[in-house]
Amino acid sequence: MHLEGYGCAGTTAKAYGLACLELEAADSGLRSLVSVQGSLAMFAIWKWGSEEQKQEWLPRMAAGDAIGCFGLTEPDFGSNPGGMRTRARRDGDDWILTGNKMWITNGSVADVAVVWAQTGDQGDGRGVRGFVVPTDTPGFSAPAIKHKMSLRASVTSELVLDNVRLPASAVLPEAQGLRGPLSCLNEARFGIVFGALGAARDCLETAITYAQERDIFDKPLAGFQLTQAKLADMTLELGKGLLLAAQLGTLKDAGQLKPEQVSLGKLNNVRESLEIARTCRTILGAAGITLEYPIMRHANNLESVLTYEGTSEVHQLIIGQAVTGQAAYR
C-alpha cells in the first residue's frame, strides 16, 4: 500500500505502519505475510527491477493474485548475509543458481521468489545480485518448515535452488552488492516498528479486562497496587513506542529516515512489546498460557520478531556504530 504505481495504493509510510499495527494485533504471522509481500518482494522489484519485471509482477502482487517471497537468509548465514553460499554463474546469456535459503516466509505458497546470490565477481558481498525467480522454474523447490512454536499462522520454508536456469532478464538490473537486499530489509523493519505494538496492545487490553473481571481476596485483581504498577508501566512503554513509531513515520514520509533510526525503533519496540506480553501473562496466571486468551500466542510470535530482520544484538551494533563511528561487527 505504500508503493506508488503499478496498482499500488501509494499511501503514506505512517498509514502503512498503522495498518501493520492493526494486522499484528491479530497475529504477527499475518503482518509477516504482508511485510514480505510488500516491503521485501514487491519493494525489491519496485526499487531495483526493470520496467518489464515491474509490469509483469507488481500489479498482480498488489491485487493479491500473486504471492512473493524473499530469499536472503541461509542456514549458516543470517546476520552476515555477505557470507552467503548461494551462487549464480553465467552460462552463455543465462544464469544458473545453486544453493539453499532458510526461514523464508511465504516460500511454499509463493508464485515468485526474489533470490539473492553471490556471483563471485567481487568479494565482501559486492558481487551479490538479485534474481526474480518464478517458483515453477525447474530446479526450484520450497519445502515447508514444520513443528514451529512461533509464527504458526505464517508459512515458513526452505528454498532449494538446484541448478535453476534463468534468462538474463531475471536479474534485478539496478541492484548490485548488499545495498539492494539491505534496503529491502530496512523497509520491512519499518513495518515491524509499528506492527509489534499491535501485539503488545492486544495483550495489554486483554490483561486489563481480565484483571477487572477476576476476583481475588474478595476484590478485583485490578484493585491491587502491584497489578496497577504493572499496568501503568506497560501503558507507559506502549505509549512511548507509539510516539517513537509515529516520529519515524514522519521522518520517512519526509524522506529523512536513516537506517540506524529504524534500528532504534525495531530494537526498542519489539523488545518492549515482548516484555509487555510476558508481564501480561503473569497477570492472567495459568489462564495466560492457554489459547483461550491471545497472550502466549503473541509472546511466542514476538520471540521470532525479536530476532528476524536483524537480531537485537545486530541493531545494537548498528546504533553503536552510528554514535561512535566504529564498526564492531567482527
C-alpha atoms as a PDB file:
ATOM      1  CA  MET A   1       0.000   0.000   0.000  1.00  0.00           C
ATOM      2  CA  HIS A   2       2.984   2.333   0.478  1.00  0.00           C
ATOM      3  CA  LEU A   3       4.368   1.855  -3.047  1.00  0.00           C
ATOM      4  CA  GLU A   4       3.498   4.111  -5.988  1.00  0.00           C
ATOM      5  CA  GLY A   5       2.089   2.979  -9.332  1.00  0.00           C
ATOM      6  CA  TYR A   6       1.526  -0.491 -10.805  1.00  0.00           C
ATOM      7  CA  GLY A   7      -1.793  -0.857  -8.985  1.00  0.00           C
ATOM      8  CA  CYS A   8      -0.335   0.083  -5.589  1.00  0.00           C
ATOM      9  CA  ALA A   9      -2.208   2.460  -3.292  1.00  0.00           C
ATOM     10  CA  GLY A  10       0.602   4.975  -2.736  1.00  0.00           C
ATOM     11  CA  THR A  11      -0.293   5.751   0.879  1.00  0.00           C
ATOM     12  CA  THR A  12       1.971   7.446   3.403  1.00  0.00           C
ATOM     13  CA  ALA A  13       4.519   5.428   5.333  1.00  0.00           C
ATOM     14  CA  LYS A  14       2.729   6.283   8.570  1.00  0.00           C
ATOM     15  CA  ALA A  15      -0.572   4.926   7.226  1.00  0.00           C
ATOM     16  CA  TYR A  16       1.190   1.722   6.208  1.00  0.00           C
ATOM     17  CA  GLY A  17       2.706   1.452   9.670  1.00  0.00           C
ATOM     18  CA  LEU A  18      -0.687   1.813  11.341  1.00  0.00           C
ATOM     19  CA  ALA A  19      -2.070  -0.910   9.077  1.00  0.00           C
ATOM     20  CA  CYS A  20       0.796  -3.165  10.189  1.00  0.00           C
ATOM     21  CA  LEU A  21      -0.090  -2.397  13.810  1.00  0.00           C
ATOM     22  CA  GLU A  22      -3.689  -3.497  13.307  1.00  0.00           C
ATOM     23  CA  LEU A  23      -2.654  -6.639  11.423  1.00  0.00           C
ATOM     24  CA  GLU A  24      -0.230  -7.665  14.155  1.00  0.00           C
ATOM     25  CA  ALA A  25      -2.859  -7.040  16.813  1.00  0.00           C
ATOM     26  CA  ALA A  26      -4.493 -10.069  15.203  1.00  0.00           C
ATOM     27  CA  ASP A  27      -1.300 -12.093  14.691  1.00  0.00           C
ATOM     28  CA  SER A  28       2.351 -11.409  13.894  1.00  0.00           C
ATOM     29  CA  GLY A  29       2.229 -14.088  11.210  1.00  0.00           C
ATOM     30  CA  LEU A  30      -0.364 -12.114   9.271  1.00  0.00           C
ATOM     31  CA  ARG A  31       1.743  -8.963   9.407  1.00  0.00           C
ATOM     32  CA  SER A  32       4.765 -11.026   8.352  1.00  0.00           C
ATOM     33  CA  LEU A  33       2.974 -12.139   5.202  1.00  0.00           C
ATOM     34  CA  VAL A  34       2.219  -8.511   4.375  1.00  0.00           C
ATOM     35  CA  SER A  35       5.757  -7.333   5.193  1.00  0.00           C
ATOM     36  CA  VAL A  36       7.338  -9.931   2.938  1.00  0.00           C
ATOM     37  CA  GLN A  37       4.851  -9.342   0.130  1.00  0.00           C
ATOM     38  CA  GLY A  38       5.073  -5.553   0.052  1.00  0.00           C
ATOM     39  CA  SER A  39       8.272  -4.446   1.759  1.00  0.00           C
ATOM     40  CA  LEU A  40      10.572  -7.244   0.630  1.00  0.00           C
ATOM     41  CA  ALA A  41       9.454  -8.974  -2.574  1.00  0.00           C
ATOM     42  CA  MET A  42       7.464  -6.132  -4.151  1.00  0.00           C
ATOM     43  CA  PHE A  43       9.786  -3.379  -2.941  1.00  0.00           C
ATOM     44  CA  ALA A  44      12.801  -5.216  -4.392  1.00  0.00           C
ATOM     45  CA  ILE A  45      11.164  -5.335  -7.817  1.00  0.00           C
ATOM     46  CA  TRP A  46       9.748  -1.802  -7.496  1.00  0.00           C
ATOM     47  CA  LYS A  47      13.085  -0.289  -6.410  1.00  0.00           C
ATOM     48  CA  TRP A  48      15.640  -2.371  -8.253  1.00  0.00           C
ATOM     49  CA  GLY A  49      13.779  -4.137 -11.074  1.00  0.00           C
ATOM     50  CA  SER A  50      13.440  -3.499 -14.783  1.00  0.00           C
ATOM     51  CA  GLU A  51      10.285  -1.985 -16.214  1.00  0.00           C
ATOM     52  CA  GLU A  52       9.406  -5.376 -17.683  1.00  0.00           C
ATOM     53  CA  GLN A  53       9.753  -7.039 -14.274  1.00  0.00           C
ATOM     54  CA  LYS A  54       7.614  -4.355 -12.655  1.00  0.00           C
ATOM     55  CA  GLN A  55       4.871  -4.664 -15.250  1.00  0.00           C
ATOM     56  CA  GLU A  56       4.869  -8.446 -15.057  1.00  0.00           C
ATOM     57  CA  TRP A  57       4.695  -8.841 -11.280  1.00  0.00           C
ATOM     58  CA  LEU A  58       3.709  -5.711  -9.347  1.00  0.00           C
ATOM     59  CA  PRO A  59       0.072  -5.324 -10.499  1.00  0.00           C
ATOM     60  CA  ARG A  60      -0.622  -8.997  -9.795  1.00  0.00           C
ATOM     61  CA  MET A  61       1.101  -8.854  -6.423  1.00  0.00           C
ATOM     62  CA  ALA A  62      -0.695  -5.635  -5.462  1.00  0.00           C
ATOM     63  CA  ALA A  63      -4.016  -7.329  -6.219  1.00  0.00           C
ATOM     64  CA  GLY A  64      -3.086 -10.430  -4.255  1.00  0.00           C
ATOM     65  CA  ASP A  65      -3.193 -12.575  -7.384  1.00  0.00           C
ATOM     66  CA  ALA A  66       0.478 -13.478  -6.970  1.00  0.00           C
ATOM     67  CA  ILE A  67       2.397 -14.077  -3.754  1.00  0.00           C
ATOM     68  CA  GLY A  68       6.087 -13.304  -3.358  1.00  0.00           C
ATOM     69  CA  CYS A  69       8.898 -14.370  -1.067  1.00  0.00           C
ATOM     70  CA  PHE A  70      12.401 -13.036  -0.410  1.00  0.00           C
ATOM     71  CA  GLY A  71      15.377 -15.379  -0.365  1.00  0.00           C
ATOM     72  CA  LEU A  72      18.326 -13.873   1.507  1.00  0.00           C
ATOM     73  CA  THR A  73      18.869 -15.789   4.778  1.00  0.00           C
ATOM     74  CA  GLU A  74      20.702 -19.107   4.563  1.00  0.00           C
ATOM     75  CA  PRO A  75      21.104 -21.976   7.049  1.00  0.00           C
ATOM     76  CA  ASP A  76      24.532 -20.688   8.110  1.00  0.00           C
ATOM     77  CA  PHE A  77      24.263 -17.007   7.194  1.00  0.00           C
ATOM     78  CA  GLY A  78      21.645 -14.769   8.769  1.00  0.00           C
ATOM     79  CA  SER A  79      23.251 -11.747  10.406  1.00  0.00           C
ATOM     80  CA  ASN A  80      26.149 -11.940   7.940  1.00  0.00           C
ATOM     81  CA  PRO A  81      24.448 -12.175   4.528  1.00  0.00           C
ATOM     82  CA  GLY A  82      27.679 -11.271   2.754  1.00  0.00           C
ATOM     83  CA  GLY A  83      28.933 -14.780   3.503  1.00  0.00           C
ATOM     84  CA  MET A  84      26.104 -16.440   1.572  1.00  0.00           C
ATOM     85  CA  ARG A  85      26.931 -19.653  -0.262  1.00  0.00           C
ATOM     86  CA  THR A  86      24.190 -19.473  -2.888  1.00  0.00           C
ATOM     87  CA  ARG A  87      25.930 -18.936  -6.196  1.00  0.00           C
ATOM     88  CA  ALA A  88      24.888 -17.594  -9.591  1.00  0.00           C
ATOM     89  CA  ARG A  89      27.131 -18.405 -12.524  1.00  0.00           C
ATOM     90  CA  ARG A  90      26.970 -17.411 -16.152  1.00  0.00           C
ATOM     91  CA  ASP A  91      26.200 -19.960 -18.836  1.00  0.00           C
ATOM     92  CA  GLY A  92      26.043 -18.126 -22.110  1.00  0.00           C
ATOM     93  CA  ASP A  93      23.339 -15.496 -21.765  1.00  0.00           C
ATOM     94  CA  ASP A  94      21.712 -17.404 -18.901  1.00  0.00           C
ATOM     95  CA  TRP A  95      22.358 -17.564 -15.181  1.00  0.00           C
ATOM     96  CA  ILE A  96      22.369 -20.785 -13.165  1.00  0.00           C
ATOM     97  CA  LEU A  97      21.545 -20.547  -9.454  1.00  0.00           C
ATOM     98  CA  THR A  98      22.611 -23.146  -6.898  1.00  0.00           C
ATOM     99  CA  GLY A  99      22.142 -23.014  -3.144  1.00  0.00           C
ATOM    100  CA  ASN A 100      19.733 -23.014  -0.227  1.00  0.00           C
ATOM    101  CA  LYS A 101      17.806 -20.318   1.605  1.00  0.00           C
ATOM    102  CA  MET A 102      16.239 -20.804   5.036  1.00  0.00           C
ATOM    103  CA  TRP A 103      13.428 -19.341   7.169  1.00  0.00           C
ATOM    104  CA  ILE A 104      11.678 -17.868   4.143  1.00  0.00           C
ATOM    105  CA  THR A 105       8.189 -16.514   4.822  1.00  0.00           C
ATOM    106  CA  ASN A 106       5.622 -17.366   2.105  1.00  0.00           C
ATOM    107  CA  GLY A 107       8.119 -19.679   0.395  1.00  0.00           C
ATOM    108  CA  SER A 108       5.851 -22.692  -0.101  1.00  0.00           C
ATOM    109  CA  VAL A 109       2.928 -20.623  -1.386  1.00  0.00           C
ATOM    110  CA  ALA A 110       4.848 -18.059  -3.441  1.00  0.00           C
ATOM    111  CA  ASP A 111       4.473 -17.558  -7.180  1.00  0.00           C
ATOM    112  CA  VAL A 112       7.719 -15.603  -7.404  1.00  0.00           C
ATOM    113  CA  ALA A 113      10.877 -15.510  -5.309  1.00  0.00           C
ATOM    114  CA  VAL A 114      13.374 -12.669  -5.165  1.00  0.00           C
ATOM    115  CA  VAL A 115      16.603 -14.593  -4.588  1.00  0.00           C
ATOM    116  CA  TRP A 116      19.972 -13.080  -3.748  1.00  0.00           C
ATOM    117  CA  ALA A 117      23.117 -14.893  -4.845  1.00  0.00           C
ATOM    118  CA  GLN A 118      26.858 -14.336  -4.919  1.00  0.00           C
ATOM    119  CA  THR A 119      28.175 -14.009  -8.466  1.00  0.00           C
ATOM    120  CA  GLY A 120      31.799 -14.179  -7.393  1.00  0.00           C
ATOM    121  CA  ASP A 121      32.606 -11.012  -9.322  1.00  0.00           C
ATOM    122  CA  GLN A 122      33.854  -9.257  -6.193  1.00  0.00           C
ATOM    123  CA  GLY A 123      34.439 -10.044  -2.541  1.00  0.00           C
ATOM    124  CA  ASP A 124      32.842  -8.771   0.667  1.00  0.00           C
ATOM    125  CA  GLY A 125      29.323  -9.146  -0.674  1.00  0.00           C
ATOM    126  CA  ARG A 126      29.854  -6.671  -3.513  1.00  0.00           C
ATOM    127  CA  GLY A 127      29.158  -9.366  -6.093  1.00  0.00           C
ATOM    128  CA  VAL A 128      25.679 -10.107  -4.698  1.00  0.00           C
ATOM    129  CA  ARG A 129      22.913  -9.840  -7.305  1.00  0.00           C
ATOM    130  CA  GLY A 130      19.164 -10.250  -7.089  1.00  0.00           C
ATOM    131  CA  PHE A 131      17.125 -12.544  -9.330  1.00  0.00           C
ATOM    132  CA  VAL A 132      13.385 -12.698  -9.981  1.00  0.00           C
ATOM    133  CA  VAL A 133      12.613 -16.416  -9.955  1.00  0.00           C
ATOM    134  CA  PRO A 134       9.168 -17.783 -10.904  1.00  0.00           C
ATOM    135  CA  THR A 135       8.620 -20.653  -8.491  1.00  0.00           C
ATOM    136  CA  ASP A 136       7.592 -23.036 -11.281  1.00  0.00           C
ATOM    137  CA  THR A 137      11.108 -22.833 -12.744  1.00  0.00           C
ATOM    138  CA  PRO A 138      12.713 -26.317 -12.975  1.00  0.00           C
ATOM    139  CA  GLY A 139      15.102 -26.957 -10.091  1.00  0.00           C
ATOM    140  CA  PHE A 140      13.267 -24.656  -7.667  1.00  0.00           C
ATOM    141  CA  SER A 141      11.511 -26.160  -4.647  1.00  0.00           C
ATOM    142  CA  ALA A 142      10.302 -24.797  -1.300  1.00  0.00           C
ATOM    143  CA  PRO A 143       9.695 -27.440   1.360  1.00  0.00           C
ATOM    144  CA  ALA A 144       7.749 -26.094   4.312  1.00  0.00           C
ATOM    145  CA  ILE A 145       9.347 -25.861   7.766  1.00  0.00           C
ATOM    146  CA  LYS A 146       7.085 -27.604  10.259  1.00  0.00           C
ATOM    147  CA  HIS A 147       6.812 -28.026  14.052  1.00  0.00           C
ATOM    148  CA  LYS A 148       7.150 -24.315  14.759  1.00  0.00           C
ATOM    149  CA  MET A 149       6.106 -22.943  18.146  1.00  0.00           C
ATOM    150  CA  SER A 150       6.118 -19.363  16.884  1.00  0.00           C
ATOM    151  CA  LEU A 151       4.550 -17.625  13.872  1.00  0.00           C
ATOM    152  CA  ARG A 152       2.362 -20.673  13.338  1.00  0.00           C
ATOM    153  CA  ALA A 153      -0.075 -18.613  11.252  1.00  0.00           C
ATOM    154  CA  SER A 154       2.730 -17.851   8.788  1.00  0.00           C
ATOM    155  CA  VAL A 155       4.123 -20.165   6.105  1.00  0.00           C
ATOM    156  CA  THR A 156       7.880 -20.614   6.601  1.00  0.00           C
ATOM    157  CA  SER A 157      10.005 -22.568   4.155  1.00  0.00           C
ATOM    158  CA  GLU A 158      13.402 -23.540   2.865  1.00  0.00           C
ATOM    159  CA  LEU A 159      14.241 -22.598  -0.706  1.00  0.00           C
ATOM    160  CA  VAL A 160      16.223 -25.157  -2.683  1.00  0.00           C
ATOM    161  CA  LEU A 161      17.890 -23.981  -5.892  1.00  0.00           C
ATOM    162  CA  ASP A 162      19.189 -26.979  -7.819  1.00  0.00           C
ATOM    163  CA  ASN A 163      20.811 -25.612 -10.972  1.00  0.00           C
ATOM    164  CA  VAL A 164      17.944 -23.215 -11.609  1.00  0.00           C
ATOM    165  CA  ARG A 165      18.426 -21.790 -15.101  1.00  0.00           C
ATOM    166  CA  LEU A 166      17.249 -18.208 -15.601  1.00  0.00           C
ATOM    167  CA  PRO A 167      17.438 -15.821 -18.547  1.00  0.00           C
ATOM    168  CA  ALA A 168      19.454 -12.619 -18.309  1.00  0.00           C
ATOM    169  CA  SER A 169      16.154 -10.735 -17.939  1.00  0.00           C
ATOM    170  CA  ALA A 170      15.690 -12.318 -14.486  1.00  0.00           C
ATOM    171  CA  VAL A 171      18.415 -10.152 -12.941  1.00  0.00           C
ATOM    172  CA  LEU A 172      17.360  -7.081 -10.963  1.00  0.00           C
ATOM    173  CA  PRO A 173      19.355  -4.621 -13.079  1.00  0.00           C
ATOM    174  CA  GLU A 174      19.649  -1.780 -10.575  1.00  0.00           C
ATOM    175  CA  ALA A 175      20.827  -3.827  -7.565  1.00  0.00           C
ATOM    176  CA  GLN A 176      24.456  -4.739  -7.115  1.00  0.00           C
ATOM    177  CA  GLY A 177      26.010  -5.670  -3.797  1.00  0.00           C
ATOM    178  CA  LEU A 178      24.365  -5.927  -0.408  1.00  0.00           C
ATOM    179  CA  ARG A 179      22.865  -2.444  -0.680  1.00  0.00           C
ATOM    180  CA  GLY A 180      19.977  -3.986  -2.612  1.00  0.00           C
ATOM    181  CA  PRO A 181      18.745  -6.580  -0.108  1.00  0.00           C
ATOM    182  CA  LEU A 182      19.579  -4.417   2.909  1.00  0.00           C
ATOM    183  CA  SER A 183      17.414  -1.580   1.569  1.00  0.00           C
ATOM    184  CA  CYS A 184      14.508  -4.024   1.351  1.00  0.00           C
ATOM    185  CA  LEU A 185      15.080  -5.178   4.923  1.00  0.00           C
ATOM    186  CA  ASN A 186      15.011  -1.579   6.067  1.00  0.00           C
ATOM    187  CA  GLU A 187      11.555  -1.211   4.520  1.00  0.00           C
ATOM    188  CA  ALA A 188      10.264  -4.308   6.283  1.00  0.00           C
ATOM    189  CA  ARG A 189      11.787  -3.314   9.623  1.00  0.00           C
ATOM    190  CA  PHE A 190       9.853  -0.068   9.472  1.00  0.00           C
ATOM    191  CA  GLY A 191       6.614  -2.057   9.392  1.00  0.00           C
ATOM    192  CA  ILE A 192       7.783  -4.074  12.387  1.00  0.00           C
ATOM    193  CA  VAL A 193       8.361  -0.871  14.391  1.00  0.00           C
ATOM    194  CA  PHE A 194       4.604  -0.295  14.237  1.00  0.00           C
ATOM    195  CA  GLY A 195       3.482  -3.913  13.990  1.00  0.00           C
ATOM    196  CA  ALA A 196       4.965  -5.224  17.220  1.00  0.00           C
ATOM    197  CA  LEU A 197       2.998  -2.593  19.130  1.00  0.00           C
ATOM    198  CA  GLY A 198      -0.229  -4.107  17.846  1.00  0.00           C
ATOM    199  CA  ALA A 199       0.593  -7.395  19.555  1.00  0.00           C
ATOM    200  CA  ALA A 200       1.521  -5.504  22.732  1.00  0.00           C
ATOM    201  CA  ARG A 201      -1.705  -3.506  22.667  1.00  0.00           C
ATOM    202  CA  ASP A 202      -3.813  -6.645  22.306  1.00  0.00           C
ATOM    203  CA  CYS A 203      -2.013  -8.235  25.251  1.00  0.00           C
ATOM    204  CA  LEU A 204      -2.451  -5.143  27.426  1.00  0.00           C
ATOM    205  CA  GLU A 205      -6.136  -4.742  26.612  1.00  0.00           C
ATOM    206  CA  THR A 206      -6.674  -8.420  27.402  1.00  0.00           C
ATOM    207  CA  ALA A 207      -4.830  -8.133  30.729  1.00  0.00           C
ATOM    208  CA  ILE A 208      -6.781  -5.027  31.784  1.00  0.00           C
ATOM    209  CA  THR A 209     -10.113  -6.689  31.051  1.00  0.00           C
ATOM    210  CA  TYR A 210      -9.091  -9.877  32.825  1.00  0.00           C
ATOM    211  CA  ALA A 211      -7.836  -8.004  35.895  1.00  0.00           C
ATOM    212  CA  GLN A 212     -11.127  -6.114  36.173  1.00  0.00           C
ATOM    213  CA  GLU A 213     -13.211  -9.289  35.942  1.00  0.00           C
ATOM    214  CA  ARG A 214     -11.059 -11.623  38.053  1.00  0.00           C
ATOM    215  CA  ASP A 215     -11.758 -11.511  41.793  1.00  0.00           C
ATOM    216  CA  ILE A 216      -9.078 -12.446  44.307  1.00  0.00           C
ATOM    217  CA  PHE A 217      -9.222 -11.925  48.066  1.00  0.00           C
ATOM    218  CA  ASP A 218     -12.778 -10.635  47.595  1.00  0.00           C
ATOM    219  CA  LYS A 219     -11.987  -7.795  45.200  1.00  0.00           C
ATOM    220  CA  PRO A 220     -10.964  -7.374  41.534  1.00  0.00           C
ATOM    221  CA  LEU A 221      -7.359  -8.186  40.687  1.00  0.00           C
ATOM    222  CA  ALA A 222      -7.210  -4.728  39.089  1.00  0.00           C
ATOM    223  CA  GLY A 223      -7.657  -3.168  42.527  1.00  0.00           C
ATOM    224  CA  PHE A 224      -4.272  -4.300  43.830  1.00  0.00           C
ATOM    225  CA  GLN A 225      -1.294  -1.968  43.774  1.00  0.00           C
ATOM    226  CA  LEU A 226       1.134  -4.498  42.273  1.00  0.00           C
ATOM    227  CA  THR A 227      -1.264  -5.187  39.393  1.00  0.00           C
ATOM    228  CA  GLN A 228      -1.760  -1.485  38.762  1.00  0.00           C
ATOM    229  CA  ALA A 229       2.008  -0.922  38.817  1.00  0.00           C
ATOM    230  CA  LYS A 230       2.402  -3.492  36.053  1.00  0.00           C
ATOM    231  CA  LEU A 231      -0.449  -1.994  34.027  1.00  0.00           C
ATOM    232  CA  ALA A 232       0.913   1.525  34.476  1.00  0.00           C
ATOM    233  CA  ASP A 233       4.435   0.580  33.359  1.00  0.00           C
ATOM    234  CA  MET A 234       3.122  -1.300  30.323  1.00  0.00           C
ATOM    235  CA  THR A 235       0.853   1.600  29.355  1.00  0.00           C
ATOM    236  CA  LEU A 236       3.868   3.891  29.576  1.00  0.00           C
ATOM    237  CA  GLU A 237       6.080   1.710  27.368  1.00  0.00           C
ATOM    238  CA  LEU A 238       3.332   1.169  24.808  1.00  0.00           C
ATOM    239  CA  GLY A 239       2.728   4.910  24.601  1.00  0.00           C
ATOM    240  CA  LYS A 240       6.429   5.669  24.225  1.00  0.00           C
ATOM    241  CA  GLY A 241       6.692   3.062  21.493  1.00  0.00           C
ATOM    242  CA  LEU A 242       3.761   4.579  19.611  1.00  0.00           C
ATOM    243  CA  LEU A 243       5.334   8.044  19.812  1.00  0.00           C
ATOM    244  CA  LEU A 244       8.646   6.668  18.525  1.00  0.00           C
ATOM    245  CA  ALA A 245       6.910   4.874  15.656  1.00  0.00           C
ATOM    246  CA  ALA A 246       4.932   7.983  14.734  1.00  0.00           C
ATOM    247  CA  GLN A 247       8.083  10.104  14.683  1.00  0.00           C
ATOM    248  CA  LEU A 248       9.889   7.604  12.471  1.00  0.00           C
ATOM    249  CA  GLY A 249       6.860   7.608  10.171  1.00  0.00           C
ATOM    250  CA  THR A 250       7.016  11.393   9.949  1.00  0.00           C
ATOM    251  CA  LEU A 251      10.714  11.206   9.059  1.00  0.00           C
ATOM    252  CA  LYS A 252      10.120   8.516   6.454  1.00  0.00           C
ATOM    253  CA  ASP A 253       7.343  10.471   4.784  1.00  0.00           C
ATOM    254  CA  ALA A 254       9.717  13.458   4.641  1.00  0.00           C
ATOM    255  CA  GLY A 255      12.456  11.297   3.074  1.00  0.00           C
ATOM    256  CA  GLN A 256      14.725  11.832   6.076  1.00  0.00           C
ATOM    257  CA  LEU A 257      14.659   8.443   7.816  1.00  0.00           C
ATOM    258  CA  LYS A 258      18.073   6.841   8.363  1.00  0.00           C
ATOM    259  CA  PRO A 259      18.698   3.072   8.720  1.00  0.00           C
ATOM    260  CA  GLU A 260      20.065   3.483  12.244  1.00  0.00           C
ATOM    261  CA  GLN A 261      16.833   5.223  13.248  1.00  0.00           C
ATOM    262  CA  VAL A 262      14.852   2.239  12.002  1.00  0.00           C
ATOM    263  CA  SER A 263      17.153   0.068  14.120  1.00  0.00           C
ATOM    264  CA  LEU A 264      16.300   2.210  17.151  1.00  0.00           C
ATOM    265  CA  GLY A 265      12.614   1.652  16.530  1.00  0.00           C
ATOM    266  CA  LYS A 266      12.863  -2.056  15.827  1.00  0.00           C
ATOM    267  CA  LEU A 267      15.103  -2.740  18.830  1.00  0.00           C
ATOM    268  CA  ASN A 268      13.018  -0.762  21.305  1.00  0.00           C
ATOM    269  CA  ASN A 269       9.513  -1.570  20.165  1.00  0.00           C
ATOM    270  CA  VAL A 270       9.940  -5.311  19.725  1.00  0.00           C
ATOM    271  CA  ARG A 271      11.888  -5.665  22.955  1.00  0.00           C
ATOM    272  CA  GLU A 272       9.291  -3.696  24.926  1.00  0.00           C
ATOM    273  CA  SER A 273       6.373  -5.451  23.221  1.00  0.00           C
ATOM    274  CA  LEU A 274       7.779  -8.830  24.208  1.00  0.00           C
ATOM    275  CA  GLU A 275       8.216  -7.644  27.795  1.00  0.00           C
ATOM    276  CA  ILE A 276       4.618  -6.392  27.808  1.00  0.00           C
ATOM    277  CA  ALA A 277       3.399  -9.776  26.573  1.00  0.00           C
ATOM    278  CA  ARG A 278       5.367 -11.608  29.258  1.00  0.00           C
ATOM    279  CA  THR A 279       4.148  -9.290  32.008  1.00  0.00           C
ATOM    280  CA  CYS A 280       0.535  -9.551  30.847  1.00  0.00           C
ATOM    281  CA  ARG A 281       0.867 -13.322  31.070  1.00  0.00           C
ATOM    282  CA  THR A 282       1.710 -13.003  34.766  1.00  0.00           C
ATOM    283  CA  ILE A 283      -1.494 -11.047  35.376  1.00  0.00           C
ATOM    284  CA  LEU A 284      -3.545 -13.844  33.839  1.00  0.00           C
ATOM    285  CA  GLY A 285      -1.666 -16.513  35.776  1.00  0.00           C
ATOM    286  CA  ALA A 286      -2.333 -20.029  34.495  1.00  0.00           C
ATOM    287  CA  ALA A 287      -5.040 -18.759  32.162  1.00  0.00           C
ATOM    288  CA  GLY A 288      -2.340 -16.835  30.337  1.00  0.00           C
ATOM    289  CA  ILE A 289      -0.732 -19.946  28.887  1.00  0.00           C
ATOM    290  CA  THR A 290      -3.923 -21.163  27.182  1.00  0.00           C
ATOM    291  CA  LEU A 291      -5.217 -20.316  23.719  1.00  0.00           C
ATOM    292  CA  GLU A 292      -8.414 -19.057  25.344  1.00  0.00           C
ATOM    293  CA  TYR A 293      -6.505 -15.779  25.522  1.00  0.00           C
ATOM    294  CA  PRO A 294      -4.076 -14.376  22.900  1.00  0.00           C
ATOM    295  CA  ILE A 295      -1.191 -13.501  25.194  1.00  0.00           C
ATOM    296  CA  MET A 296       1.020 -16.594  24.996  1.00  0.00           C
ATOM    297  CA  ARG A 297       0.499 -16.738  21.228  1.00  0.00           C
ATOM    298  CA  HIS A 298       1.626 -13.120  20.905  1.00  0.00           C
ATOM    299  CA  ALA A 299       4.594 -13.765  23.214  1.00  0.00           C
ATOM    300  CA  ASN A 300       5.690 -16.782  21.170  1.00  0.00           C
ATOM    301  CA  ASN A 301       5.347 -14.792  17.958  1.00  0.00           C
ATOM    302  CA  LEU A 302       7.312 -11.858  19.324  1.00  0.00           C
ATOM    303  CA  GLU A 303      10.185 -14.207  20.199  1.00  0.00           C
ATOM    304  CA  SER A 304      10.618 -14.644  16.442  1.00  0.00           C
ATOM    305  CA  VAL A 305      10.058 -10.974  15.643  1.00  0.00           C
ATOM    306  CA  LEU A 306      12.804 -10.146  18.155  1.00  0.00           C
ATOM    307  CA  THR A 307      15.409 -11.978  16.087  1.00  0.00           C
ATOM    308  CA  TYR A 308      14.248 -11.799  12.477  1.00  0.00           C
ATOM    309  CA  GLU A 309      15.175  -8.969  10.105  1.00  0.00           C
ATOM    310  CA  GLY A 310      18.056  -8.112  12.384  1.00  0.00           C
ATOM    311  CA  THR A 311      18.607  -9.546  15.844  1.00  0.00           C
ATOM    312  CA  SER A 312      18.583  -7.204  18.822  1.00  0.00           C
ATOM    313  CA  GLU A 313      22.370  -7.592  19.007  1.00  0.00           C
ATOM    314  CA  VAL A 314      22.832  -6.522  15.388  1.00  0.00           C
ATOM    315  CA  HIS A 315      20.608  -3.482  15.885  1.00  0.00           C
ATOM    316  CA  GLN A 316      22.603  -2.580  18.987  1.00  0.00           C
ATOM    317  CA  LEU A 317      25.758  -2.679  16.871  1.00  0.00           C
ATOM    318  CA  ILE A 318      24.150  -0.551  14.148  1.00  0.00           C
ATOM    319  CA  ILE A 319      23.215   2.050  16.757  1.00  0.00           C
ATOM    320  CA  GLY A 320      26.653   1.725  18.371  1.00  0.00           C
ATOM    321  CA  GLN A 321      28.360   2.405  15.068  1.00  0.00           C
ATOM    322  CA  ALA A 322      26.133   5.426  14.496  1.00  0.00           C
ATOM    323  CA  VAL A 323      27.064   7.019  17.831  1.00  0.00           C
ATOM    324  CA  THR A 324      30.764   6.067  17.918  1.00  0.00           C
ATOM    325  CA  GLY A 325      31.784   5.852  14.276  1.00  0.00           C
ATOM    326  CA  GLN A 326      33.310   2.438  14.993  1.00  0.00           C
ATOM    327  CA  ALA A 327      32.050  -0.798  13.400  1.00  0.00           C
ATOM    328  CA  ALA A 328      32.101  -3.655  15.922  1.00  0.00           C
ATOM    329  CA  TYR A 329      30.573  -6.468  13.869  1.00  0.00           C
ATOM    330  CA  ARG A 330      33.738  -8.562  13.825  1.00  0.00           C
END
